């Protein structure tokens, strides 16, 4: 028994206890990529009894938490983990982790409109400027766009599109940093590969752009 200040313990050998009660073992970090469907909350519980994303995970593993949020009616890539340090890095706006979405919007958007889309708009919580916007398909009544943003603000994609006169009908997140949704089916999940996890851990914060400097001084929420 070692009680002196500064004593070090080896968790592989020593039993650490307080008042005779052993401390619980630290859970191993776990990382799961989920294709979130519509109609699920990015939460660990809901007083109203609505479905939550944890309902979609099979098996009894460690308790996981969603990294950020997708709206109840949005779908696509969602990372779940119990790694708090990585979660904080992915959510902090200073890292400008790219979030790529495919959005079906009302109305027809044609190539000459893209300059206006790329200039961005000013929302109630500051400017919203995508790092990329492309047209995937333009129909007579709707348009499918791919949009990339470098921060996750409250319903940013939907508010941005609506401000440009094209409300969102369907929204799917297809990429978060180095993670891609790929062919993962709606409602299915899989563990991250070693390569994906290594890529996440290599992420470094870039020098903030003027817009990001402004955002870093204001409120930040990871929602769509």
Protein backbone atom coordinates (compact mmCIF):
# COMPACT_ATOMS: atom_id res chain seq x y z
CA UNK A 1 0.00 0.00 0.00
CA UNK A 2 1.46 3.34 -1.09
CA UNK A 3 -0.05 6.50 0.39
CA UNK A 4 2.78 9.01 0.06
CA UNK A 5 2.23 12.04 -2.23
CA UNK A 6 3.47 11.55 -5.78
CA UNK A 7 3.31 7.76 -5.65
CA UNK A 8 2.77 6.25 -9.09
CA UNK A 9 0.67 3.20 -9.86
CA UNK A 10 0.86 0.66 -12.64
CA UNK A 11 -2.74 -0.06 -13.75
CA UNK A 12 -1.63 -3.44 -15.07
CA UNK A 13 -0.42 -4.53 -11.62
CA UNK A 14 -1.79 -2.26 -8.89
CA UNK A 15 -5.32 -1.98 -7.58
CA UNK A 16 -6.27 1.66 -7.00
CA UNK A 17 -8.88 2.18 -4.29
CA UNK A 18 -10.47 5.04 -2.36
CA UNK A 19 -11.77 4.22 1.13
CA UNK A 20 -11.24 0.58 0.31
CA UNK A 21 -13.33 0.68 -2.87
CA UNK A 22 -11.46 -0.09 -6.11
CA UNK A 23 -11.83 2.48 -8.84
CA UNK A 24 -13.56 1.16 -11.96
CA UNK A 25 -11.30 0.23 -14.84
CA UNK A 26 -10.99 2.77 -17.65
CA UNK A 27 -13.02 1.80 -20.70
CA UNK A 28 -11.13 1.30 -23.92
CA UNK A 29 -11.81 3.97 -26.52
CA UNK A 30 -14.29 2.95 -29.19
CA UNK A 31 -15.14 4.62 -32.51
CA UNK A 32 -18.21 3.85 -34.64
CA UNK A 33 -19.35 5.39 -37.92
CA UNK A 34 -23.14 5.39 -38.35
CA UNK A 35 -25.35 6.22 -41.31
CA UNK A 36 -28.00 8.12 -39.38
CA UNK A 37 -31.51 7.87 -40.82
CA UNK A 38 -34.16 10.54 -40.68
CA UNK A 39 -36.34 10.44 -37.59
CA UNK A 40 -33.58 9.82 -35.02
CA UNK A 41 -32.23 12.19 -32.40
CA UNK A 42 -28.48 12.66 -31.94
CA UNK A 43 -28.79 12.19 -28.20
CA UNK A 44 -28.24 9.55 -25.54
CA UNK A 45 -31.84 9.89 -24.31
CA UNK A 46 -35.12 11.65 -25.07
CA UNK A 47 -37.80 12.40 -22.45
CA UNK A 48 -40.37 12.37 -25.24
CA UNK A 49 -39.58 8.80 -26.17
CA UNK A 50 -38.44 9.54 -29.70
CA UNK A 51 -35.88 7.19 -31.30
CA UNK A 52 -32.23 8.02 -30.61
CA UNK A 53 -29.16 7.08 -32.62
CA UNK A 54 -27.92 4.72 -29.89
CA UNK A 55 -30.96 2.53 -30.62
CA UNK A 56 -29.31 1.67 -33.94
CA UNK A 57 -26.14 0.22 -32.45
CA UNK A 58 -26.04 -3.53 -31.99
CA UNK A 59 -24.33 -5.39 -29.19
CA UNK A 60 -23.34 -4.32 -25.71
CA UNK A 61 -20.15 -2.34 -25.96
CA UNK A 62 -18.90 0.76 -24.16
CA UNK A 63 -21.25 3.73 -23.78
CA UNK A 64 -20.81 5.95 -26.82
CA UNK A 65 -21.76 9.56 -27.51
CA UNK A 66 -22.52 11.30 -30.82
CA UNK A 67 -19.86 13.72 -32.03
CA UNK A 68 -21.95 16.77 -32.82
CA UNK A 69 -25.45 16.53 -34.16
CA UNK A 70 -27.53 16.05 -37.24
CA UNK A 71 -31.08 17.36 -37.23
CA UNK A 72 -33.95 14.96 -36.53
CA UNK A 73 -34.93 15.12 -40.21
CA UNK A 74 -31.34 15.05 -41.56
CA UNK A 75 -29.33 11.95 -42.33
CA UNK A 76 -25.85 10.77 -43.14
CA UNK A 77 -22.46 10.32 -41.50
CA UNK A 78 -22.34 10.45 -37.71
CA UNK A 79 -19.36 9.51 -35.56
CA UNK A 80 -19.96 8.02 -32.10
CA UNK A 81 -17.19 7.58 -29.56
CA UNK A 82 -16.25 7.71 -25.88
CA UNK A 83 -13.00 9.55 -26.68
CA UNK A 84 -13.61 12.99 -25.20
CA UNK A 85 -10.32 14.50 -26.36
CA UNK A 86 -10.96 13.59 -29.99
CA UNK A 87 -14.57 14.80 -29.73
CA UNK A 88 -13.45 18.22 -28.49
CA UNK A 89 -10.96 18.50 -31.34
CA UNK A 90 -13.53 17.62 -34.00
CA UNK A 91 -16.12 20.05 -32.64
CA UNK A 92 -13.90 23.06 -31.92
CA UNK A 93 -14.25 25.65 -34.71
CA UNK A 94 -10.52 26.46 -34.70
CA UNK A 95 -9.82 23.13 -36.42
CA UNK A 96 -12.15 23.96 -39.34
CA UNK A 97 -12.91 20.27 -39.91
CA UNK A 98 -14.60 20.08 -43.34
CA UNK A 99 -18.18 18.89 -43.29
CA UNK A 100 -19.52 17.92 -46.70
CA UNK A 101 -23.25 17.73 -47.37
CA UNK A 102 -25.49 16.83 -50.26
CA UNK A 103 -28.59 18.98 -50.16
CA UNK A 104 -31.71 18.79 -52.29
CA UNK A 105 -33.15 22.29 -52.39
CA UNK A 106 -36.29 23.87 -53.78
CA UNK A 107 -35.95 25.61 -57.13
CA UNK A 108 -33.46 25.46 -59.94
CA UNK A 109 -29.84 26.50 -59.35
CA UNK A 110 -27.76 26.95 -62.50
CA UNK A 111 -23.97 27.40 -62.91
CA UNK A 112 -24.11 31.19 -63.16
CA UNK A 113 -25.78 31.27 -59.72
CA UNK A 114 -22.78 29.63 -58.05
CA UNK A 115 -20.79 32.84 -57.71
CA UNK A 116 -23.52 34.20 -55.44
CA UNK A 117 -23.63 30.94 -53.47
CA UNK A 118 -19.85 30.96 -52.98
CA UNK A 119 -19.84 34.55 -51.67
CA UNK A 120 -21.89 33.37 -48.72
CA UNK A 121 -24.48 35.18 -46.63
CA UNK A 122 -24.69 36.85 -43.25
CA UNK A 123 -26.82 34.92 -40.78
CA UNK A 124 -27.99 35.95 -37.33
CA UNK A 125 -24.84 34.47 -35.77
CA UNK A 126 -22.38 35.80 -38.33
CA UNK A 127 -21.23 35.17 -41.90
CA UNK A 128 -21.70 31.74 -43.47
CA UNK A 129 -19.32 31.09 -46.35
CA UNK A 130 -18.88 27.58 -47.77
CA UNK A 131 -15.43 26.51 -48.86
CA UNK A 132 -16.97 24.76 -51.88
CA UNK A 133 -20.33 24.54 -53.68
CA UNK A 134 -21.05 22.41 -56.74
CA UNK A 135 -24.18 21.38 -58.59
CA UNK A 136 -24.76 17.63 -58.71
CA UNK A 137 -28.07 17.73 -60.58
CA UNK A 138 -30.43 20.52 -61.60
CA UNK A 139 -34.01 19.55 -62.28
CA UNK A 140 -36.94 21.77 -63.24
CA UNK A 141 -38.17 22.13 -59.65
CA UNK A 142 -35.33 21.02 -57.39
CA UNK A 143 -31.52 21.04 -57.39
CA UNK A 144 -29.05 18.72 -55.69
CA UNK A 145 -25.93 20.49 -54.41
CA UNK A 146 -22.73 19.46 -52.66
CA UNK A 147 -21.66 21.99 -50.03
CA UNK A 148 -18.61 22.09 -47.77
CA UNK A 149 -18.44 24.09 -44.55
CA UNK A 150 -15.57 24.34 -42.10
CA UNK A 151 -17.55 24.63 -38.88
CA UNK A 152 -20.74 23.18 -37.45
CA UNK A 153 -23.18 25.89 -36.43
CA UNK A 154 -26.83 25.73 -35.48
CA UNK A 155 -28.70 24.56 -38.61
CA UNK A 156 -26.14 26.40 -40.70
CA UNK A 157 -26.68 24.58 -44.00
CA UNK A 158 -30.45 24.93 -43.87
CA UNK A 159 -30.32 28.59 -42.87
CA UNK A 160 -27.73 29.32 -45.54
CA UNK A 161 -29.76 27.73 -48.34
CA UNK A 162 -32.98 29.37 -47.18
CA UNK A 163 -31.29 32.80 -47.10
CA UNK A 164 -30.42 32.28 -50.77
CA UNK A 165 -34.06 31.51 -51.58
CA UNK A 166 -33.73 27.72 -51.84
CA UNK A 167 -35.08 25.90 -48.74
CA UNK A 168 -33.64 22.45 -48.07
CA UNK A 169 -35.87 19.45 -48.80
CA UNK A 170 -33.36 16.75 -47.91
CA UNK A 171 -29.95 16.93 -46.28
CA UNK A 172 -27.29 14.20 -46.10
CA UNK A 173 -23.83 14.57 -44.57
CA UNK A 174 -21.41 12.52 -46.66
CA UNK A 175 -18.06 13.47 -45.14
CA UNK A 176 -16.56 14.66 -41.85
CA UNK A 177 -12.86 15.45 -42.14
CA UNK A 178 -11.16 12.27 -43.41
CA UNK A 179 -14.27 10.13 -42.79
CA UNK A 180 -16.54 9.29 -45.75
CA UNK A 181 -20.04 7.82 -45.68
CA UNK A 182 -19.27 5.69 -48.73
CA UNK A 183 -21.61 2.77 -49.36
CA UNK A 184 -22.75 2.38 -45.74
CA UNK A 185 -26.50 1.79 -45.83
CA UNK A 186 -29.04 3.87 -43.94
CA UNK A 187 -29.21 2.71 -40.32
CA UNK A 188 -26.02 0.62 -40.53
CA UNK A 189 -22.82 1.21 -38.57
CA UNK A 190 -19.23 -0.03 -38.55
CA UNK A 191 -16.07 0.49 -36.50
CA UNK A 192 -13.54 2.98 -37.80
CA UNK A 193 -10.57 1.47 -39.58
CA UNK A 194 -7.06 1.96 -38.21
CA UNK A 195 -6.32 4.24 -41.16
CA UNK A 196 -9.37 6.43 -40.45
CA UNK A 197 -8.51 6.70 -36.78
CA UNK A 198 -4.90 7.61 -37.58
CA UNK A 199 -6.10 10.28 -40.01
CA UNK A 200 -8.38 11.79 -37.32
CA UNK A 201 -5.53 11.91 -34.81
CA UNK A 202 -3.28 13.68 -37.31
CA UNK A 203 -5.69 16.59 -37.68
CA UNK A 204 -4.11 19.93 -36.91
CA UNK A 205 -5.69 23.35 -36.56
CA UNK A 206 -4.92 25.69 -39.48
CA UNK A 207 -4.33 29.41 -39.07
CA UNK A 208 -7.87 30.81 -38.71
CA UNK A 209 -9.30 32.79 -41.60
CA UNK A 210 -10.79 36.25 -40.88
CA UNK A 211 -14.27 34.74 -40.91
CA UNK A 212 -13.25 32.00 -38.50
CA UNK A 213 -11.64 34.56 -36.18
CA UNK A 214 -15.00 36.31 -36.00
CA UNK A 215 -16.83 33.03 -35.35
CA UNK A 216 -14.37 32.00 -32.64
CA UNK A 217 -15.41 35.02 -30.60
CA UNK A 218 -19.10 34.11 -30.74
CA UNK A 219 -21.33 31.23 -29.62
CA UNK A 220 -20.76 27.86 -31.25
CA UNK A 221 -23.07 24.87 -31.54
CA UNK A 222 -22.60 21.70 -33.50
CA UNK A 223 -25.96 21.41 -35.23
CA UNK A 224 -27.19 21.67 -38.79
